Amino acid sequence: MTVKVKGSEASDAAASVASGFEQTAAAIKDGMIKATAGLQTTQAQVKENMEKAMKTAEEMLAFNQGNFEAVVKSGKIWSSGVQDITQQVVASAQASFDETLATCRALTAVKSLKEAVDLQASLARSAMEKAVAETGRLTDASVKLAEQAMAPLTQRYALAVEKFARTA
């Protein structure tokens, strides 16, 4: 069966199809423009976030480098201080040994028991006084060393608190 379409109806149909095609093409074109703009916006945001992440990573690396340097500095201070204190202890022990040796030599030359007892008492009193003085001096040196060795670490801790308190 054949359908005959009148001329005006065919024109109207062709115009309707052309109009629909133009509307569809315009909608596709508009959608592509919006998709491209959205993609560009997303790319810009990704780039910005990556730059922020890289900057944060660089800052953390620099901060951790500072922490490492503080630990190394603290270790050097501690090592040097322990060496100094050890030298003081050795010098004190040497002096005590020399004094004991001198007293022993003097004991060989005593002429009476009283003189021997007096020398022994003098050595004991001197050794006790020196031990008390040396203990106080070593305690002070040890406390001072601990403070000096902790100073670089304390500074890094204060910096960390300051830096991370600002970002929080």
C-alpha atoms as a PDB file:
ATOM      1  CA  MET A   1       0.000   0.000   0.000  1.00  0.00           C
ATOM      2  CA  THR A   2       1.311   3.374  -0.897  1.00  0.00           C
ATOM      3  CA  VAL A   3       0.677   6.464   1.128  1.00  0.00           C
ATOM      4  CA  LYS A   4       0.510   9.683  -0.662  1.00  0.00           C
ATOM      5  CA  VAL A   5       1.579  12.719   1.223  1.00  0.00           C
ATOM      6  CA  LYS A   6       0.502  16.128   0.127  1.00  0.00           C
ATOM      7  CA  GLY A   7       3.253  18.656  -0.610  1.00  0.00           C
ATOM      8  CA  SER A   8       2.629  20.884   2.382  1.00  0.00           C
ATOM      9  CA  GLU A   9       2.576  17.959   4.762  1.00  0.00           C
ATOM     10  CA  ALA A  10       5.920  16.741   3.383  1.00  0.00           C
ATOM     11  CA  SER A  11       7.420  20.184   3.798  1.00  0.00           C
ATOM     12  CA  ASP A  12       6.131  20.389   7.336  1.00  0.00           C
ATOM     13  CA  ALA A  13       7.536  16.953   8.136  1.00  0.00           C
ATOM     14  CA  ALA A  14      10.910  17.799   6.603  1.00  0.00           C
ATOM     15  CA  ALA A  15      10.978  21.073   8.523  1.00  0.00           C
ATOM     16  CA  SER A  16      10.043  19.255  11.733  1.00  0.00           C
ATOM     17  CA  VAL A  17      12.799  16.664  11.189  1.00  0.00           C
ATOM     18  CA  ALA A  18      15.321  19.395  10.384  1.00  0.00           C
ATOM     19  CA  SER A  19      14.266  21.351  13.455  1.00  0.00           C
ATOM     20  CA  GLY A  20      14.526  18.242  15.637  1.00  0.00           C
ATOM     21  CA  PHE A  21      17.956  17.489  14.176  1.00  0.00           C
ATOM     22  CA  GLU A  22      19.120  21.057  14.850  1.00  0.00           C
ATOM     23  CA  GLN A  23      17.801  20.907  18.413  1.00  0.00           C
ATOM     24  CA  THR A  24      19.533  17.554  18.977  1.00  0.00           C
ATOM     25  CA  ALA A  25      22.773  18.832  17.476  1.00  0.00           C
ATOM     26  CA  ALA A  26      22.559  21.997  19.607  1.00  0.00           C
ATOM     27  CA  ALA A  27      21.883  19.914  22.744  1.00  0.00           C
ATOM     28  CA  ILE A  28      24.858  17.647  21.965  1.00  0.00           C
ATOM     29  CA  LYS A  29      27.053  20.666  21.272  1.00  0.00           C
ATOM     30  CA  ASP A  30      25.896  22.327  24.534  1.00  0.00           C
ATOM     31  CA  GLY A  31      26.528  19.094  26.438  1.00  0.00           C
ATOM     32  CA  MET A  32      30.035  18.817  24.986  1.00  0.00           C
ATOM     33  CA  ILE A  33      30.790  22.418  25.929  1.00  0.00           C
ATOM     34  CA  LYS A  34      29.583  21.813  29.497  1.00  0.00           C
ATOM     35  CA  ALA A  35      31.491  18.521  29.739  1.00  0.00           C
ATOM     36  CA  THR A  36      34.675  20.193  28.478  1.00  0.00           C
ATOM     37  CA  ALA A  37      34.259  23.042  30.958  1.00  0.00           C
ATOM     38  CA  GLY A  38      33.634  20.551  33.779  1.00  0.00           C
ATOM     39  CA  LEU A  39      36.683  18.543  32.779  1.00  0.00           C
ATOM     40  CA  GLN A  40      38.829  21.680  32.703  1.00  0.00           C
ATOM     41  CA  THR A  41      37.556  22.682  36.156  1.00  0.00           C
ATOM     42  CA  THR A  42      38.269  19.200  37.493  1.00  0.00           C
ATOM     43  CA  GLN A  43      41.763  19.230  35.974  1.00  0.00           C
ATOM     44  CA  ALA A  44      42.466  22.629  37.543  1.00  0.00           C
ATOM     45  CA  GLN A  45      41.302  21.378  40.953  1.00  0.00           C
ATOM     46  CA  VAL A  46      43.392  18.206  40.650  1.00  0.00           C
ATOM     47  CA  LYS A  47      46.436  20.272  39.674  1.00  0.00           C
ATOM     48  CA  GLU A  48      45.888  22.679  42.589  1.00  0.00           C
ATOM     49  CA  ASN A  49      45.461  19.790  45.058  1.00  0.00           C
ATOM     50  CA  MET A  50      48.587  18.071  43.741  1.00  0.00           C
ATOM     51  CA  GLU A  51      50.580  21.291  44.136  1.00  0.00           C
ATOM     52  CA  LYS A  52      49.315  21.625  47.716  1.00  0.00           C
ATOM     53  CA  ALA A  53      50.196  17.993  48.434  1.00  0.00           C
ATOM     54  CA  MET A  54      53.687  18.457  47.007  1.00  0.00           C
ATOM     55  CA  LYS A  55      54.217  21.622  49.039  1.00  0.00           C
ATOM     56  CA  THR A  56      53.070  19.824  52.206  1.00  0.00           C
ATOM     57  CA  ALA A  57      55.367  16.887  51.446  1.00  0.00           C
ATOM     58  CA  GLU A  58      58.307  19.263  50.922  1.00  0.00           C
ATOM     59  CA  GLU A  59      57.545  21.062  54.191  1.00  0.00           C
ATOM     60  CA  MET A  60      57.326  17.752  56.070  1.00  0.00           C
ATOM     61  CA  LEU A  61      60.600  16.599  54.544  1.00  0.00           C
ATOM     62  CA  ALA A  62      62.302  19.846  55.563  1.00  0.00           C
ATOM     63  CA  PHE A  63      60.804  19.633  59.050  1.00  0.00           C
ATOM     64  CA  ASN A  64      61.950  16.026  59.482  1.00  0.00           C
ATOM     65  CA  GLN A  65      65.422  17.003  58.259  1.00  0.00           C
ATOM     66  CA  GLY A  66      65.491  19.611  61.031  1.00  0.00           C
ATOM     67  CA  ASN A  67      64.428  16.950  63.536  1.00  0.00           C
ATOM     68  CA  PHE A  68      67.237  14.662  62.397  1.00  0.00           C
ATOM     69  CA  GLU A  69      69.768  17.482  62.686  1.00  0.00           C
ATOM     70  CA  ALA A  70      68.523  18.257  66.213  1.00  0.00           C
ATOM     71  CA  VAL A  71      68.952  14.603  67.247  1.00  0.00           C
ATOM     72  CA  VAL A  72      72.471  14.548  65.806  1.00  0.00           C
ATOM     73  CA  LYS A  73      73.366  17.811  67.569  1.00  0.00           C
ATOM     74  CA  SER A  74      71.928  16.518  70.838  1.00  0.00           C
ATOM     75  CA  GLY A  75      73.937  13.308  70.484  1.00  0.00           C
ATOM     76  CA  LYS A  76      77.143  15.244  69.866  1.00  0.00           C
ATOM     77  CA  ILE A  77      76.551  17.415  72.931  1.00  0.00           C
ATOM     78  CA  TRP A  78      75.800  14.326  75.042  1.00  0.00           C
ATOM     79  CA  SER A  79      78.846  12.436  73.778  1.00  0.00           C
ATOM     80  CA  SER A  80      81.173  15.358  74.374  1.00  0.00           C
ATOM     81  CA  GLY A  81      79.715  15.970  77.832  1.00  0.00           C
ATOM     82  CA  VAL A  82      80.009  12.326  78.866  1.00  0.00           C
ATOM     83  CA  GLN A  83      83.617  12.359  77.697  1.00  0.00           C
ATOM     84  CA  ASP A  84      84.310  15.474  79.817  1.00  0.00           C
ATOM     85  CA  ILE A  85      82.630  13.978  82.884  1.00  0.00           C
ATOM     86  CA  THR A  86      84.544  10.719  82.402  1.00  0.00           C
ATOM     87  CA  GLN A  87      87.810  12.664  82.277  1.00  0.00           C
ATOM     88  CA  GLN A  88      86.830  14.420  85.511  1.00  0.00           C
ATOM     89  CA  VAL A  89      86.081  11.083  87.190  1.00  0.00           C
ATOM     90  CA  VAL A  90      89.388   9.621  85.998  1.00  0.00           C
ATOM     91  CA  ALA A  91      91.295  12.701  87.216  1.00  0.00           C
ATOM     92  CA  SER A  92      89.541  12.516  90.588  1.00  0.00           C
ATOM     93  CA  ALA A  93      90.290   8.791  90.904  1.00  0.00           C
ATOM     94  CA  GLN A  94      93.925   9.413  89.986  1.00  0.00           C
ATOM     95  CA  ALA A  95      94.209  12.177  92.605  1.00  0.00           C
ATOM     96  CA  SER A  96      92.589   9.921  95.207  1.00  0.00           C
ATOM     97  CA  PHE A  97      94.972   7.098  94.317  1.00  0.00           C
ATOM     98  CA  ASP A  98      97.965   9.454  94.540  1.00  0.00           C
ATOM     99  CA  GLU A  99      96.815  10.697  97.954  1.00  0.00           C
ATOM    100  CA  THR A 100      96.322   7.126  99.211  1.00  0.00           C
ATOM    101  CA  LEU A 101      99.751   6.149  97.908  1.00  0.00           C
ATOM    102  CA  ALA A 102     101.351   9.147  99.636  1.00  0.00           C
ATOM    103  CA  THR A 103      99.618   8.228 102.889  1.00  0.00           C
ATOM    104  CA  CYS A 104     100.866   4.640 102.597  1.00  0.00           C
ATOM    105  CA  ARG A 105     104.414   5.893 102.097  1.00  0.00           C
ATOM    106  CA  ALA A 106     104.017   8.188 105.083  1.00  0.00           C
ATOM    107  CA  LEU A 107     102.742   5.234 107.138  1.00  0.00           C
ATOM    108  CA  THR A 108     106.011   3.409 106.526  1.00  0.00           C
ATOM    109  CA  ALA A 109     107.885   6.262 108.175  1.00  0.00           C
ATOM    110  CA  VAL A 110     105.689   6.618 111.314  1.00  0.00           C
ATOM    111  CA  LYS A 111     107.325   6.261 114.671  1.00  0.00           C
ATOM    112  CA  SER A 112     104.225   5.555 116.770  1.00  0.00           C
ATOM    113  CA  LEU A 113     100.816   3.959 116.643  1.00  0.00           C
ATOM    114  CA  LYS A 114      99.151   7.329 117.342  1.00  0.00           C
ATOM    115  CA  GLU A 115     100.912   8.850 114.351  1.00  0.00           C
ATOM    116  CA  ALA A 116      99.681   5.944 112.175  1.00  0.00           C
ATOM    117  CA  VAL A 117      96.100   6.317 113.433  1.00  0.00           C
ATOM    118  CA  ASP A 118      96.198  10.099 112.853  1.00  0.00           C
ATOM    119  CA  LEU A 119      97.428   9.577 109.263  1.00  0.00           C
ATOM    120  CA  GLN A 120      94.688   7.007 108.619  1.00  0.00           C
ATOM    121  CA  ALA A 121      92.009   9.300 110.096  1.00  0.00           C
ATOM    122  CA  SER A 122      93.289  12.221 108.038  1.00  0.00           C
ATOM    123  CA  LEU A 123      93.169  10.120 104.860  1.00  0.00           C
ATOM    124  CA  ALA A 124      89.642   8.898 105.628  1.00  0.00           C
ATOM    125  CA  ARG A 125      88.382  12.427 106.417  1.00  0.00           C
ATOM    126  CA  SER A 126      90.001  13.848 103.283  1.00  0.00           C
ATOM    127  CA  ALA A 127      88.626  11.027 101.128  1.00  0.00           C
ATOM    128  CA  MET A 128      85.112  11.552 102.509  1.00  0.00           C
ATOM    129  CA  GLU A 129      85.213  15.341 101.998  1.00  0.00           C
ATOM    130  CA  LYS A 130      86.502  14.914  98.459  1.00  0.00           C
ATOM    131  CA  ALA A 131      83.898  12.244  97.677  1.00  0.00           C
ATOM    132  CA  VAL A 132      81.068  14.521  98.845  1.00  0.00           C
ATOM    133  CA  ALA A 133      82.459  17.501  96.906  1.00  0.00           C
ATOM    134  CA  GLU A 134      83.106  15.391  93.813  1.00  0.00           C
ATOM    135  CA  THR A 135      79.615  13.878  93.928  1.00  0.00           C
ATOM    136  CA  GLY A 136      78.058  17.345  94.072  1.00  0.00           C
ATOM    137  CA  ARG A 137      80.248  18.579  91.229  1.00  0.00           C
ATOM    138  CA  LEU A 138      79.480  15.537  89.066  1.00  0.00           C
ATOM    139  CA  THR A 139      75.766  15.831  89.797  1.00  0.00           C
ATOM    140  CA  ASP A 140      75.796  19.490  88.738  1.00  0.00           C
ATOM    141  CA  ALA A 141      77.780  18.651  85.601  1.00  0.00           C
ATOM    142  CA  SER A 142      75.381  15.806  84.767  1.00  0.00           C
ATOM    143  CA  VAL A 143      72.287  17.994  85.185  1.00  0.00           C
ATOM    144  CA  LYS A 144      73.861  20.741  83.085  1.00  0.00           C
ATOM    145  CA  LEU A 145      74.810  18.198  80.407  1.00  0.00           C
ATOM    146  CA  ALA A 146      71.272  16.798  80.317  1.00  0.00           C
ATOM    147  CA  GLU A 147      69.853  20.316  79.884  1.00  0.00           C
ATOM    148  CA  GLN A 148      72.330  21.130  77.110  1.00  0.00           C
ATOM    149  CA  ALA A 149      71.741  17.843  75.301  1.00  0.00           C
ATOM    150  CA  MET A 150      67.953  18.243  75.478  1.00  0.00           C
ATOM    151  CA  ALA A 151      67.985  21.871  74.283  1.00  0.00           C
ATOM    152  CA  PRO A 152      68.003  21.099  70.513  1.00  0.00           C
ATOM    153  CA  LEU A 153      65.202  18.558  70.972  1.00  0.00           C
ATOM    154  CA  THR A 154      63.184  20.947  73.128  1.00  0.00           C
ATOM    155  CA  GLN A 155      63.541  23.653  70.464  1.00  0.00           C
ATOM    156  CA  ARG A 156      62.273  21.269  67.765  1.00  0.00           C
ATOM    157  CA  TYR A 157      59.344  20.271  69.975  1.00  0.00           C
ATOM    158  CA  ALA A 158      58.425  23.922  70.527  1.00  0.00           C
ATOM    159  CA  LEU A 159      58.676  24.558  66.790  1.00  0.00           C
ATOM    160  CA  ALA A 160      56.449  21.553  66.061  1.00  0.00           C
ATOM    161  CA  VAL A 161      53.819  22.744  68.536  1.00  0.00           C
ATOM    162  CA  GLU A 162      53.902  26.242  67.052  1.00  0.00           C
ATOM    163  CA  LYS A 163      53.794  25.017  63.440  1.00  0.00           C
ATOM    164  CA  PHE A 164      51.072  22.440  63.866  1.00  0.00           C
ATOM    165  CA  ALA A 165      48.964  24.601  66.175  1.00  0.00           C
ATOM    166  CA  ARG A 166      48.736  27.174  63.351  1.00  0.00           C
ATOM    167  CA  THR A 167      47.588  24.609  60.811  1.00  0.00           C
ATOM    168  CA  ALA A 168      45.032  22.975  63.070  1.00  0.00           C
END
